[in-house]
Amino acid sequence: MTRFFAALVIPAISAAAVVYFGYYMIWGARGLVALSDTQARLEVRQEQLAALKSERVRLQHRIALLKKGSVDPDMVEEVARSQLLEGAPGQVAVPRAAH
């Protein structure tokens, strides 16, 4: 009887190790289930990054229009209007005709 159990010790330990590592390979913190969650979060972050990059390009273009030496008059007027019309509560801004 002891020989029978002694012969099963190594296979039992091996099977336990395979089950342990197999479980963590699928459901562990870095397993296949976590991998799919991580990939989904990565896709969302990549979309956010693309939106931020396009916003940055738009802002860099607007800044380039306001640089000294190549000022775009329409951009200056747009910035001035946005700054002037953001007054304190109760203030009224009246646009004047250009001279």
C-alpha atoms as a PDB file:
ATOM      1  CA  MET A   1       0.000   0.000   0.000  1.00  0.00           C
ATOM      2  CA  THR A   2       2.828   2.423   0.779  1.00  0.00           C
ATOM      3  CA  ARG A   3       4.438   1.705  -2.584  1.00  0.00           C
ATOM      4  CA  PHE A   4       1.181   2.608  -4.291  1.00  0.00           C
ATOM      5  CA  PHE A   5       0.962   5.952  -2.470  1.00  0.00           C
ATOM      6  CA  ALA A   6       4.693   6.597  -2.898  1.00  0.00           C
ATOM      7  CA  ALA A   7       4.320   6.097  -6.654  1.00  0.00           C
ATOM      8  CA  LEU A   8       1.449   8.638  -6.727  1.00  0.00           C
ATOM      9  CA  VAL A   9       3.240  11.419  -4.817  1.00  0.00           C
ATOM     10  CA  ILE A  10       5.199  12.835  -7.775  1.00  0.00           C
ATOM     11  CA  PRO A  11       2.245  12.711 -10.228  1.00  0.00           C
ATOM     12  CA  ALA A  12      -0.024  14.298  -7.579  1.00  0.00           C
ATOM     13  CA  ILE A  13       2.445  17.131  -6.953  1.00  0.00           C
ATOM     14  CA  SER A  14       2.867  17.625 -10.718  1.00  0.00           C
ATOM     15  CA  ALA A  15      -0.892  17.686 -11.264  1.00  0.00           C
ATOM     16  CA  ALA A  16      -1.318  20.197  -8.437  1.00  0.00           C
ATOM     17  CA  ALA A  17       1.355  22.433  -9.961  1.00  0.00           C
ATOM     18  CA  VAL A  18      -0.285  22.227 -13.403  1.00  0.00           C
ATOM     19  CA  VAL A  19      -3.702  23.091 -11.936  1.00  0.00           C
ATOM     20  CA  TYR A  20      -2.247  25.973  -9.889  1.00  0.00           C
ATOM     21  CA  PHE A  21      -0.370  27.571 -12.782  1.00  0.00           C
ATOM     22  CA  GLY A  22      -3.194  26.821 -15.229  1.00  0.00           C
ATOM     23  CA  TYR A  23      -5.679  28.630 -12.979  1.00  0.00           C
ATOM     24  CA  TYR A  24      -3.488  31.703 -12.734  1.00  0.00           C
ATOM     25  CA  MET A  25      -2.742  31.579 -16.434  1.00  0.00           C
ATOM     26  CA  ILE A  26      -6.461  32.070 -17.150  1.00  0.00           C
ATOM     27  CA  TRP A  27      -7.933  33.928 -14.159  1.00  0.00           C
ATOM     28  CA  GLY A  28      -4.871  35.362 -12.454  1.00  0.00           C
ATOM     29  CA  ALA A  29      -3.854  38.997 -12.178  1.00  0.00           C
ATOM     30  CA  ARG A  30      -1.908  38.698 -15.457  1.00  0.00           C
ATOM     31  CA  GLY A  31      -3.971  35.940 -17.027  1.00  0.00           C
ATOM     32  CA  LEU A  32      -5.971  35.772 -20.218  1.00  0.00           C
ATOM     33  CA  VAL A  33      -9.048  37.402 -18.683  1.00  0.00           C
ATOM     34  CA  ALA A  34      -6.957  40.316 -17.408  1.00  0.00           C
ATOM     35  CA  LEU A  35      -5.314  40.551 -20.824  1.00  0.00           C
ATOM     36  CA  SER A  36      -8.639  41.151 -22.563  1.00  0.00           C
ATOM     37  CA  ASP A  37      -9.562  43.805 -19.970  1.00  0.00           C
ATOM     38  CA  THR A  38      -6.191  45.484 -20.447  1.00  0.00           C
ATOM     39  CA  GLN A  39      -6.571  45.472 -24.218  1.00  0.00           C
ATOM     40  CA  ALA A  40     -10.019  47.072 -23.945  1.00  0.00           C
ATOM     41  CA  ARG A  41      -8.640  49.813 -21.678  1.00  0.00           C
ATOM     42  CA  LEU A  42      -5.727  50.306 -24.088  1.00  0.00           C
ATOM     43  CA  GLU A  43      -8.113  50.855 -27.007  1.00  0.00           C
ATOM     44  CA  VAL A  44     -10.022  53.493 -25.023  1.00  0.00           C
ATOM     45  CA  ARG A  45      -6.774  55.254 -24.085  1.00  0.00           C
ATOM     46  CA  GLN A  46      -5.574  55.171 -27.698  1.00  0.00           C
ATOM     47  CA  GLU A  47      -8.809  56.847 -28.817  1.00  0.00           C
ATOM     48  CA  GLN A  48      -8.324  59.496 -26.129  1.00  0.00           C
ATOM     49  CA  LEU A  49      -4.735  60.004 -27.262  1.00  0.00           C
ATOM     50  CA  ALA A  50      -5.821  60.449 -30.877  1.00  0.00           C
ATOM     51  CA  ALA A  51      -8.383  63.061 -29.804  1.00  0.00           C
ATOM     52  CA  LEU A  52      -5.772  64.918 -27.747  1.00  0.00           C
ATOM     53  CA  LYS A  53      -3.293  64.855 -30.616  1.00  0.00           C
ATOM     54  CA  SER A  54      -5.833  66.338 -33.014  1.00  0.00           C
ATOM     55  CA  GLU A  55      -6.714  69.017 -30.444  1.00  0.00           C
ATOM     56  CA  ARG A  56      -3.016  69.807 -30.043  1.00  0.00           C
ATOM     57  CA  VAL A  57      -2.541  70.180 -33.800  1.00  0.00           C
ATOM     58  CA  ARG A  58      -5.551  72.523 -33.919  1.00  0.00           C
ATOM     59  CA  LEU A  59      -4.186  74.641 -31.064  1.00  0.00           C
ATOM     60  CA  GLN A  60      -0.699  74.769 -32.584  1.00  0.00           C
ATOM     61  CA  HIS A  61      -2.229  76.058 -35.811  1.00  0.00           C
ATOM     62  CA  ARG A  62      -4.119  78.770 -33.928  1.00  0.00           C
ATOM     63  CA  ILE A  63      -0.926  79.769 -32.091  1.00  0.00           C
ATOM     64  CA  ALA A  64       0.976  79.937 -35.373  1.00  0.00           C
ATOM     65  CA  LEU A  65      -1.650  82.374 -36.671  1.00  0.00           C
ATOM     66  CA  LEU A  66      -0.925  84.708 -33.748  1.00  0.00           C
ATOM     67  CA  LYS A  67       2.897  84.681 -33.908  1.00  0.00           C
ATOM     68  CA  LYS A  68       4.715  87.952 -34.442  1.00  0.00           C
ATOM     69  CA  GLY A  69       5.373  88.706 -38.081  1.00  0.00           C
ATOM     70  CA  SER A  70       2.560  86.580 -39.480  1.00  0.00           C
ATOM     71  CA  VAL A  71      -0.459  87.715 -37.521  1.00  0.00           C
ATOM     72  CA  ASP A  72      -3.811  86.786 -39.011  1.00  0.00           C
ATOM     73  CA  PRO A  73      -6.228  89.711 -38.499  1.00  0.00           C
ATOM     74  CA  ASP A  74      -9.255  87.428 -38.307  1.00  0.00           C
ATOM     75  CA  MET A  75      -7.645  85.405 -35.517  1.00  0.00           C
ATOM     76  CA  VAL A  76      -6.768  88.567 -33.580  1.00  0.00           C
ATOM     77  CA  GLU A  77     -10.356  89.765 -33.871  1.00  0.00           C
ATOM     78  CA  GLU A  78     -11.687  86.386 -32.740  1.00  0.00           C
ATOM     79  CA  VAL A  79      -9.425  86.344 -29.676  1.00  0.00           C
ATOM     80  CA  ALA A  80     -10.243  89.959 -28.841  1.00  0.00           C
ATOM     81  CA  ARG A  81     -13.977  89.340 -29.078  1.00  0.00           C
ATOM     82  CA  SER A  82     -13.799  86.244 -26.910  1.00  0.00           C
ATOM     83  CA  GLN A  83     -11.770  88.134 -24.278  1.00  0.00           C
ATOM     84  CA  LEU A  84     -13.981  91.222 -24.329  1.00  0.00           C
ATOM     85  CA  LEU A  85     -17.265  89.347 -24.246  1.00  0.00           C
ATOM     86  CA  GLU A  86     -16.223  87.356 -21.177  1.00  0.00           C
ATOM     87  CA  GLY A  87     -16.786  90.254 -18.809  1.00  0.00           C
ATOM     88  CA  ALA A  88     -18.140  90.233 -15.307  1.00  0.00           C
ATOM     89  CA  PRO A  89     -21.797  89.398 -14.664  1.00  0.00           C
ATOM     90  CA  GLY A  90     -24.022  92.325 -15.475  1.00  0.00           C
ATOM     91  CA  GLN A  91     -21.605  93.871 -17.979  1.00  0.00           C
ATOM     92  CA  VAL A  92     -22.676  94.386 -21.560  1.00  0.00           C
ATOM     93  CA  ALA A  93     -20.260  94.400 -24.494  1.00  0.00           C
ATOM     94  CA  VAL A  94     -21.329  96.335 -27.562  1.00  0.00           C
ATOM     95  CA  PRO A  95     -19.372  95.551 -30.746  1.00  0.00           C
ATOM     96  CA  ARG A  96     -18.429  98.606 -32.782  1.00  0.00           C
ATOM     97  CA  ALA A  97     -18.106  98.893 -36.529  1.00  0.00           C
ATOM     98  CA  ALA A  98     -14.578  98.881 -37.933  1.00  0.00           C
ATOM     99  CA  HIS A  99     -13.188 102.243 -39.067  1.00  0.00           C
END
